[in-house]
Amino acid sequence: MTDSPAHPAPLADPHLVYDPAAGDGPKDVVILGSTGSIGTQAIDLVLRNPDRFRVTALSANGGRVALLAEQAHRLRVRTVAVAREDVVPALREALTAAYGTEPLPEILAGPDAATQVAASDCHTVLNGITGSIGLAPTLAALEAGRTLALANKESLIVGGPLVTALAKPGQIIPVDSEHAALFQALAAGTRADVRKLVVTASGGPFRGRTRAELAGVTVQDALAHPTWAMGPVITVNSATLVNKGLEVIEAHLLYDIPFDRIEVVVHPQSYVHSMVEFTDGSTLAQATPPDMRGPIAIGLGWPERVPDAAPAFDWSKASTWEFFPLDNEAFPSVNLARHVGRLASTAPAVFNAANEECVAAFLNGALPFNGIVETVTRVVEEHGTPATGTSLTVSDVLEAETWARARARELTATTATAEARA
């Protein structure tokens, strides 16, 4: 079975450069999710390259106000945004301590604060927010004509046609390590030359285990990722391979390649971040040691490369790189994601929202590990086939997410009650 194109041209094309008026000097950048893993590594890259980048605004949820204030002061930003209005007094106090007698930056607060700075005057917006709450800032950045360095895969996945309708050719640069790898490898040929995209997966901490062996794994087990240091939600998604399923949908939307030509292969070393197989039989692999500063540098700097953005291999030392087929029985999330991606419309939003609720329940001890994907599957099945022939709206996405979260919580509570009685 093949899939009809979701849009007339790839969203991410290394041959097309969308370049808002940059002027002279460093490129102005807004960083969303500045206190998270992507944000902190992006700031490290910016501070090491002041001649290339200048950060004008930061946004964060508000859980780490001291770090946010320190970042704002070091970068001399114009605006600081927090989603939580209740932390504004603490943020102002932390900024005052950092700035002393210097004027403080503008403070924006509330659920729309990140969206406001995403549309502010800059060249590039790095969306490093985790979760589907990144959709509104993604749409705002695109509508404002900014280059979007996209680490927030969920906004593309749940927004689907909303994002594709707004994005101009070359306006989105992917920051996920896998999609930055595909982006770079695709530069070697045209879309017509591509036979297959090969997305690599580390396999997470449970590679090689059967589904039965996964039944009793703990939160600590799931958070012990062998190669990447990430936040808890993304780390659990990597353990279930839901993250890889989301990346398959993302690859379909970014590069307009049918689902049956997007393959997932397990590569435990996480050196090869993804590959492109061309019609002449050649395969191009993009490889670096596991470090997100490389993909971030592609997102912020393309079409230029940032020297020494991340470590390189020492080719004088022997190493072994392994590749294994994906065990779809133990990890059914990737095939579930393909099904959801083919359904399109609100189905990806339901899949993602249900998963976020189930991961939260697992982290809180209310759901077993295998229960994450089992519950998500049931929510997707109950949602059914979305209506076709209608345009997707933001309201549709939000309504579908609200239903999916509520249903996932109901099912999770039922599971927890049944286990308590057992």
Protein backbone atom coordinates (compact mmCIF):
# COMPACT_ATOMS: atom_id res chain seq x y z
CA MET A 1 0.00 0.00 0.00
CA THR A 2 1.32 3.45 -0.86
CA ASP A 3 0.30 6.79 0.57
CA SER A 4 -0.74 9.82 -1.38
CA PRO A 5 1.41 12.92 -0.75
CA ALA A 6 0.28 15.06 2.16
CA HIS A 7 1.49 18.21 0.41
CA PRO A 8 3.00 19.09 -2.99
CA ALA A 9 6.62 19.44 -1.88
CA PRO A 10 8.83 18.46 1.08
CA LEU A 11 8.68 20.83 4.04
CA ALA A 12 12.36 20.31 4.79
CA ASP A 13 14.56 20.49 1.71
CA PRO A 14 18.31 21.13 2.11
CA HIS A 15 18.42 22.54 -1.43
CA LEU A 16 15.99 25.36 -0.55
CA VAL A 17 17.00 28.07 1.90
CA TYR A 18 14.32 30.30 3.35
CA ASP A 19 16.15 33.37 4.62
CA PRO A 20 14.28 36.21 6.31
CA ALA A 21 16.00 39.58 6.06
CA ALA A 22 18.95 39.08 8.36
CA GLY A 23 20.95 42.27 7.90
CA ASP A 24 24.56 42.50 9.01
CA GLY A 25 26.03 40.92 12.12
CA PRO A 26 24.92 37.88 14.14
CA LYS A 27 21.66 36.09 13.37
CA ASP A 28 18.92 37.02 15.86
CA VAL A 29 17.46 33.92 17.53
CA VAL A 30 14.53 33.23 19.88
CA ILE A 31 14.85 30.10 22.03
CA LEU A 32 11.65 28.42 23.26
CA GLY A 33 12.15 25.96 26.10
CA SER A 34 15.44 27.54 27.12
CA THR A 35 15.83 25.72 30.46
CA GLY A 36 15.29 22.27 28.95
CA SER A 37 17.83 19.93 27.36
CA ILE A 38 17.62 21.42 23.85
CA GLY A 39 17.53 24.99 25.13
CA THR A 40 20.55 24.71 27.42
CA GLN A 41 22.64 23.08 24.69
CA ALA A 42 21.54 25.74 22.19
CA ILE A 43 22.63 28.46 24.60
CA ASP A 44 26.02 26.77 25.01
CA LEU A 45 26.39 26.83 21.21
CA VAL A 46 25.36 30.50 21.01
CA LEU A 47 27.75 31.58 23.76
CA ARG A 48 30.61 29.88 21.92
CA ASN A 49 29.66 31.62 18.66
CA PRO A 50 28.75 35.24 19.49
CA ASP A 51 29.80 36.35 16.00
CA ARG A 52 27.14 34.09 14.45
CA PHE A 53 24.15 34.19 16.83
CA ARG A 54 22.46 36.65 19.17
CA VAL A 55 19.52 35.58 21.36
CA THR A 56 16.79 38.20 21.62
CA ALA A 57 14.20 36.32 23.69
CA LEU A 58 13.85 33.23 25.87
CA SER A 59 10.80 31.27 26.96
CA ALA A 60 10.40 28.53 29.56
CA ASN A 61 7.66 26.88 31.56
CA GLY A 62 8.84 28.56 34.76
CA GLY A 63 10.04 25.67 36.86
CA ARG A 64 13.69 26.86 36.93
CA VAL A 65 13.53 30.62 37.35
CA ALA A 66 17.08 30.98 38.68
CA LEU A 67 18.51 29.31 35.58
CA LEU A 68 16.22 31.33 33.32
CA ALA A 69 17.37 34.58 34.94
CA GLU A 70 21.02 33.55 34.59
CA GLN A 71 20.50 32.71 30.91
CA ALA A 72 18.76 36.03 30.27
CA HIS A 73 21.61 37.97 31.88
CA ARG A 74 24.40 36.10 30.09
CA LEU A 75 22.67 36.52 26.73
CA ARG A 76 21.42 40.10 27.35
CA VAL A 77 18.00 39.26 25.92
CA ARG A 78 15.23 41.78 25.36
CA THR A 79 12.38 39.56 26.54
CA VAL A 80 11.85 36.67 28.95
CA ALA A 81 8.62 34.65 28.76
CA VAL A 82 7.20 32.14 31.25
CA ALA A 83 4.09 30.00 30.91
CA ARG A 84 3.36 30.07 34.66
CA GLU A 85 2.11 33.44 35.85
CA ASP A 86 2.56 32.44 39.50
CA VAL A 87 6.37 32.44 39.18
CA VAL A 88 6.65 36.04 37.95
CA PRO A 89 7.56 37.47 41.39
CA ALA A 90 10.29 34.86 41.84
CA LEU A 91 11.52 35.45 38.29
CA ARG A 92 11.65 39.21 38.80
CA GLU A 93 13.60 38.68 42.03
CA ALA A 94 16.05 36.34 40.29
CA LEU A 95 16.50 38.78 37.41
CA THR A 96 17.11 41.65 39.82
CA ALA A 97 19.78 39.60 41.59
CA ALA A 98 21.44 38.76 38.26
CA TYR A 99 21.19 42.22 36.67
CA GLY A 100 21.89 44.38 39.72
CA THR A 101 21.44 48.00 38.72
CA GLU A 102 21.09 47.19 35.00
CA PRO A 103 17.64 47.51 33.36
CA LEU A 104 15.66 44.27 33.45
CA PRO A 105 14.35 42.62 30.27
CA GLU A 106 10.65 42.65 29.43
CA ILE A 107 8.72 39.86 31.17
CA LEU A 108 5.81 38.08 29.48
CA ALA A 109 3.75 35.53 31.39
CA GLY A 110 0.88 33.17 30.73
CA PRO A 111 0.01 30.27 28.42
CA ASP A 112 0.42 32.47 25.32
CA ALA A 113 3.79 33.94 26.31
CA ALA A 114 5.87 31.54 24.19
CA THR A 115 3.58 32.19 21.23
CA GLN A 116 4.13 35.93 21.60
CA VAL A 117 7.93 35.67 21.53
CA ALA A 118 7.78 33.14 18.66
CA ALA A 119 6.27 35.91 16.53
CA SER A 120 8.69 38.59 17.74
CA ASP A 121 11.30 40.28 15.55
CA CYS A 122 14.09 37.78 14.85
CA HIS A 123 15.59 35.62 12.11
CA THR A 124 15.20 32.12 13.59
CA VAL A 125 12.96 30.58 16.23
CA LEU A 126 14.26 27.42 17.91
CA ASN A 127 11.24 25.53 19.24
CA GLY A 128 12.66 23.28 21.97
CA ILE A 129 9.40 22.94 23.91
CA THR A 130 8.36 19.40 24.83
CA GLY A 131 4.87 18.25 23.92
CA SER A 132 1.97 19.42 21.79
CA ILE A 133 1.83 22.75 23.64
CA GLY A 134 4.49 23.73 21.11
CA LEU A 135 1.92 23.85 18.30
CA ALA A 136 0.78 27.46 18.80
CA PRO A 137 4.38 28.82 18.89
CA THR A 138 5.24 26.79 15.79
CA LEU A 139 2.30 28.27 13.89
CA ALA A 140 3.10 31.78 15.17
CA ALA A 141 6.74 31.57 14.03
CA LEU A 142 5.76 30.34 10.58
CA GLU A 143 3.03 32.93 10.16
CA ALA A 144 5.45 35.69 11.21
CA GLY A 145 7.87 34.57 8.51
CA ARG A 146 10.66 33.31 10.76
CA THR A 147 12.93 30.40 9.97
CA LEU A 148 11.80 27.60 12.30
CA ALA A 149 14.45 25.33 13.80
CA LEU A 150 12.09 22.58 14.91
CA ALA A 151 12.95 20.32 17.83
CA ASN A 152 9.31 20.15 18.96
CA LYS A 153 8.24 17.23 16.75
CA GLU A 154 4.83 17.04 18.42
CA SER A 155 3.69 20.35 16.94
CA LEU A 156 4.27 19.09 13.41
CA ILE A 157 2.73 15.72 14.13
CA VAL A 158 -0.48 16.94 15.79
CA GLY A 159 -0.72 20.05 13.59
CA GLY A 160 -0.05 18.22 10.33
CA PRO A 161 -1.83 20.18 7.58
CA LEU A 162 -1.99 23.32 9.74
CA VAL A 163 1.82 23.44 9.69
CA THR A 164 2.21 22.37 6.07
CA ALA A 165 -0.24 25.04 4.93
CA LEU A 166 1.81 27.82 6.57
CA ALA A 167 5.38 26.68 5.95
CA LYS A 168 7.17 28.10 2.92
CA PRO A 169 9.82 26.04 1.10
CA GLY A 170 12.93 25.80 3.26
CA GLN A 171 11.31 27.58 6.23
CA ILE A 172 11.55 24.55 8.56
CA ILE A 173 14.93 23.12 9.53
CA PRO A 174 14.58 19.92 11.61
CA VAL A 175 16.57 19.68 14.84
CA ASP A 176 15.80 16.09 15.90
CA SER A 177 19.06 14.17 15.46
CA GLU A 178 17.37 11.70 13.10
CA HIS A 179 15.74 14.33 10.93
CA ALA A 180 18.78 16.57 10.88
CA ALA A 181 20.65 13.48 9.62
CA LEU A 182 18.08 12.82 6.89
CA PHE A 183 18.12 16.50 5.98
CA GLN A 184 21.89 16.44 5.47
CA ALA A 185 21.94 13.13 3.59
CA LEU A 186 19.16 14.32 1.27
CA ALA A 187 21.45 17.13 0.11
CA ALA A 188 23.27 14.50 -1.98
CA GLY A 189 20.38 13.95 -4.36
CA THR A 190 16.93 15.01 -5.47
CA ARG A 191 13.65 13.73 -4.04
CA ALA A 192 13.18 11.63 -7.19
CA ASP A 193 16.47 9.87 -6.38
CA VAL A 194 15.25 8.67 -2.96
CA ARG A 195 14.20 5.04 -2.60
CA LYS A 196 13.93 4.83 1.19
CA LEU A 197 14.48 6.74 4.42
CA VAL A 198 16.08 4.67 7.18
CA VAL A 199 15.48 6.07 10.67
CA THR A 200 17.81 4.66 13.29
CA ALA A 201 16.82 3.84 16.88
CA SER A 202 19.13 3.08 19.77
CA GLY A 203 16.65 0.48 20.97
CA GLY A 204 16.52 2.22 24.34
CA PRO A 205 17.33 0.49 27.62
CA PHE A 206 15.23 -2.60 26.79
CA ARG A 207 16.68 -3.64 23.44
CA GLY A 208 16.54 -7.42 23.05
CA ARG A 209 13.82 -7.99 25.66
CA THR A 210 10.57 -9.73 24.82
CA ARG A 211 7.19 -8.18 25.58
CA ALA A 212 6.78 -10.57 28.52
CA GLU A 213 10.15 -9.49 29.91
CA LEU A 214 9.07 -5.84 29.75
CA ALA A 215 6.06 -6.39 32.01
CA GLY A 216 7.87 -5.73 35.27
CA VAL A 217 10.36 -2.99 34.35
CA THR A 218 10.51 0.00 36.68
CA VAL A 219 10.58 3.75 36.11
CA GLN A 220 14.27 3.76 37.02
CA ASP A 221 14.92 1.06 34.41
CA ALA A 222 13.08 3.05 31.74
CA LEU A 223 14.96 6.27 32.53
CA ALA A 224 18.38 4.61 32.20
CA HIS A 225 18.94 5.38 28.52
CA PRO A 226 22.21 3.87 27.29
CA THR A 227 23.38 6.66 24.97
CA TRP A 228 21.34 9.88 25.35
CA ALA A 229 20.72 12.22 28.31
CA MET A 230 17.19 13.58 27.86
CA GLY A 231 14.16 14.67 29.86
CA PRO A 232 11.95 11.98 31.49
CA VAL A 233 9.10 12.09 28.95
CA ILE A 234 11.37 11.76 25.91
CA THR A 235 13.44 9.09 27.69
CA VAL A 236 10.35 6.96 28.41
CA ASN A 237 9.19 7.53 24.81
CA SER A 238 12.56 6.19 23.70
CA ALA A 239 12.12 3.13 25.93
CA THR A 240 8.67 2.33 24.44
CA LEU A 241 9.87 3.43 20.97
CA VAL A 242 6.87 5.75 20.76
CA ASN A 243 9.45 8.43 20.06
CA LYS A 244 10.52 6.49 16.97
CA GLY A 245 6.92 6.16 15.87
CA LEU A 246 6.50 9.92 16.17
CA GLU A 247 9.67 10.37 14.12
CA VAL A 248 8.27 8.15 11.34
CA ILE A 249 5.21 10.41 11.11
CA GLU A 250 7.49 13.46 11.25
CA ALA A 251 9.67 12.09 8.42
CA HIS A 252 6.59 11.53 6.27
CA LEU A 253 5.44 15.12 6.81
CA LEU A 254 8.87 16.74 6.46
CA TYR A 255 10.09 14.89 3.38
CA ASP A 256 6.83 13.78 1.70
CA ILE A 257 7.95 10.14 1.55
CA PRO A 258 5.24 7.45 1.83
CA PHE A 259 5.12 5.44 5.06
CA ASP A 260 5.96 2.19 3.26
CA ARG A 261 9.31 3.74 2.27
CA ILE A 262 10.29 4.80 5.79
CA GLU A 263 12.09 2.04 7.68
CA VAL A 264 13.25 1.86 11.31
CA VAL A 265 16.44 -0.02 12.17
CA VAL A 266 18.02 -0.50 15.61
CA HIS A 267 21.55 0.86 15.98
CA PRO A 268 22.64 0.59 19.65
CA GLN A 269 25.71 2.83 19.40
CA SER A 270 23.67 5.85 18.23
CA TYR A 271 26.51 6.94 15.95
CA VAL A 272 24.58 6.79 12.67
CA HIS A 273 21.61 9.09 13.20
CA SER A 274 19.72 8.08 10.04
CA MET A 275 20.30 7.10 6.42
CA VAL A 276 18.94 7.74 2.95
CA GLU A 277 18.90 4.94 0.39
CA PHE A 278 18.94 6.19 -3.19
CA THR A 279 17.58 4.53 -6.32
CA ASP A 280 21.05 3.62 -7.60
CA GLY A 281 21.59 1.36 -4.57
CA SER A 282 23.85 3.70 -2.60
CA THR A 283 23.07 4.63 0.99
CA LEU A 284 24.28 7.81 2.67
CA ALA A 285 24.58 7.77 6.45
CA GLN A 286 25.07 10.82 8.66
CA ALA A 287 27.22 9.97 11.67
CA THR A 288 28.54 11.80 14.74
CA PRO A 289 29.02 10.85 18.39
CA PRO A 290 25.72 11.27 20.30
CA ASP A 291 25.51 15.03 20.97
CA MET A 292 22.53 17.27 20.21
CA ARG A 293 24.66 20.36 19.65
CA GLY A 294 25.36 19.15 16.11
CA PRO A 295 21.68 19.03 15.05
CA ILE A 296 21.04 22.31 16.89
CA ALA A 297 23.86 23.93 14.92
CA ILE A 298 22.29 22.71 11.66
CA GLY A 299 18.95 24.18 12.74
CA LEU A 300 20.39 27.57 13.66
CA GLY A 301 23.14 27.91 11.06
CA TRP A 302 21.96 26.25 7.84
CA PRO A 303 23.08 26.54 5.04
CA GLU A 304 26.34 27.29 6.86
CA ARG A 305 27.97 24.85 9.24
CA VAL A 306 29.18 25.94 12.68
CA PRO A 307 32.81 24.89 13.22
CA ASP A 308 33.39 22.61 16.23
CA ALA A 309 29.69 22.62 17.13
CA ALA A 310 29.99 19.08 18.51
CA PRO A 311 32.70 16.42 18.96
CA ALA A 312 33.89 14.41 15.97
CA PHE A 313 35.01 10.79 15.79
CA ASP A 314 38.56 9.75 16.49
CA TRP A 315 39.08 7.53 13.46
CA SER A 316 42.41 6.26 14.80
CA LYS A 317 40.49 4.16 17.36
CA ALA A 318 38.75 0.90 16.45
CA SER A 319 34.99 0.74 16.93
CA THR A 320 32.09 -1.52 16.00
CA TRP A 321 28.76 -0.29 14.64
CA GLU A 322 25.81 -2.70 14.75
CA PHE A 323 22.39 -2.69 13.08
CA PHE A 324 19.41 -4.90 13.95
CA PRO A 325 15.83 -5.20 12.69
CA LEU A 326 13.14 -3.72 14.91
CA ASP A 327 11.18 -6.21 17.06
CA ASN A 328 7.65 -5.04 16.30
CA GLU A 329 6.08 -7.61 18.63
CA ALA A 330 7.95 -6.33 21.69
CA PHE A 331 7.66 -2.71 20.56
CA PRO A 332 4.37 -2.28 18.66
CA SER A 333 4.41 1.51 18.92
CA VAL A 334 6.08 2.12 15.55
CA ASN A 335 3.46 0.19 13.58
CA LEU A 336 0.75 1.91 15.62
CA ALA A 337 2.26 5.26 14.63
CA ARG A 338 2.24 4.27 10.95
CA HIS A 339 -1.46 3.42 11.26
CA VAL A 340 -2.14 6.75 12.97
CA GLY A 341 -0.13 8.65 10.37
CA ARG A 342 -2.15 7.08 7.56
CA LEU A 343 -5.41 7.99 9.32
CA ALA A 344 -4.11 11.58 9.57
CA SER A 345 -6.53 14.38 10.59
CA THR A 346 -6.92 14.31 14.41
CA ALA A 347 -5.58 10.76 14.85
CA PRO A 348 -1.94 11.84 15.46
CA ALA A 349 -3.14 14.35 18.07
CA VAL A 350 -5.08 11.59 19.84
CA PHE A 351 -2.05 9.26 19.70
CA ASN A 352 0.31 11.89 21.09
CA ALA A 353 -2.01 13.22 23.81
CA ALA A 354 -2.93 9.75 25.05
CA ASN A 355 0.75 8.83 25.17
CA GLU A 356 1.65 11.95 27.19
CA GLU A 357 -1.01 11.03 29.76
CA CYS A 358 0.10 7.40 29.90
CA VAL A 359 3.77 8.32 30.31
CA ALA A 360 2.82 10.63 33.18
CA ALA A 361 0.86 7.79 34.77
CA PHE A 362 3.80 5.40 34.38
CA LEU A 363 6.22 7.93 35.92
CA ASN A 364 3.80 8.32 38.85
CA GLY A 365 3.57 4.57 39.37
CA ALA A 366 -0.07 4.34 38.22
CA LEU A 367 0.52 2.33 35.03
CA PRO A 368 2.87 -0.56 34.15
CA PHE A 369 5.36 -0.09 31.34
CA ASN A 370 3.51 -2.26 28.81
CA GLY A 371 0.32 -0.48 29.79
CA ILE A 372 1.56 2.70 28.10
CA VAL A 373 1.25 1.49 24.51
CA GLU A 374 -1.66 -0.83 25.33
CA THR A 375 -3.68 2.10 26.65
CA VAL A 376 -2.67 4.39 23.79
CA THR A 377 -3.74 1.70 21.30
CA ARG A 378 -7.15 1.43 22.94
CA VAL A 379 -7.66 5.20 22.88
CA VAL A 380 -6.71 5.32 19.19
CA GLU A 381 -9.11 2.48 18.42
CA GLU A 382 -11.96 4.17 20.29
CA HIS A 383 -11.28 7.41 18.44
CA GLY A 384 -11.84 5.54 15.20
CA THR A 385 -11.28 6.87 11.71
CA PRO A 386 -11.34 10.68 11.58
CA ALA A 387 -13.73 12.36 9.17
CA THR A 388 -12.17 13.06 5.79
CA GLY A 389 -12.80 15.85 3.34
CA THR A 390 -12.75 18.60 5.97
CA SER A 391 -9.99 21.04 6.82
CA LEU A 392 -8.26 20.48 10.13
CA THR A 393 -8.46 23.41 12.54
CA VAL A 394 -6.66 24.22 15.79
CA SER A 395 -9.99 23.72 17.57
CA ASP A 396 -10.25 20.22 16.10
CA VAL A 397 -6.78 19.37 17.40
CA LEU A 398 -7.47 20.77 20.87
CA GLU A 399 -10.84 19.00 21.12
CA ALA A 400 -9.31 15.68 20.05
CA GLU A 401 -6.47 16.09 22.54
CA THR A 402 -8.85 16.92 25.38
CA TRP A 403 -10.93 13.82 24.67
CA ALA A 404 -7.83 11.60 24.34
CA ARG A 405 -6.33 12.85 27.61
CA ALA A 406 -9.59 12.32 29.50
CA ARG A 407 -10.10 8.84 28.05
CA ALA A 408 -6.48 7.85 28.75
CA ARG A 409 -6.87 8.99 32.37
CA GLU A 410 -10.08 6.95 32.70
CA LEU A 411 -8.43 3.84 31.34
CA THR A 412 -5.34 4.38 33.48
CA ALA A 413 -7.47 4.70 36.62
CA THR A 414 -9.28 1.47 35.71
CA THR A 415 -5.95 -0.31 35.25
CA ALA A 416 -4.62 0.98 38.57
CA THR A 417 -7.79 -0.14 40.37
CA ALA A 418 -7.65 -3.61 38.82
CA GLU A 419 -3.99 -4.03 39.81
CA ALA A 420 -4.70 -2.87 43.36
CA ARG A 421 -7.40 -5.55 43.68
CA ALA A 422 -5.20 -8.26 42.18
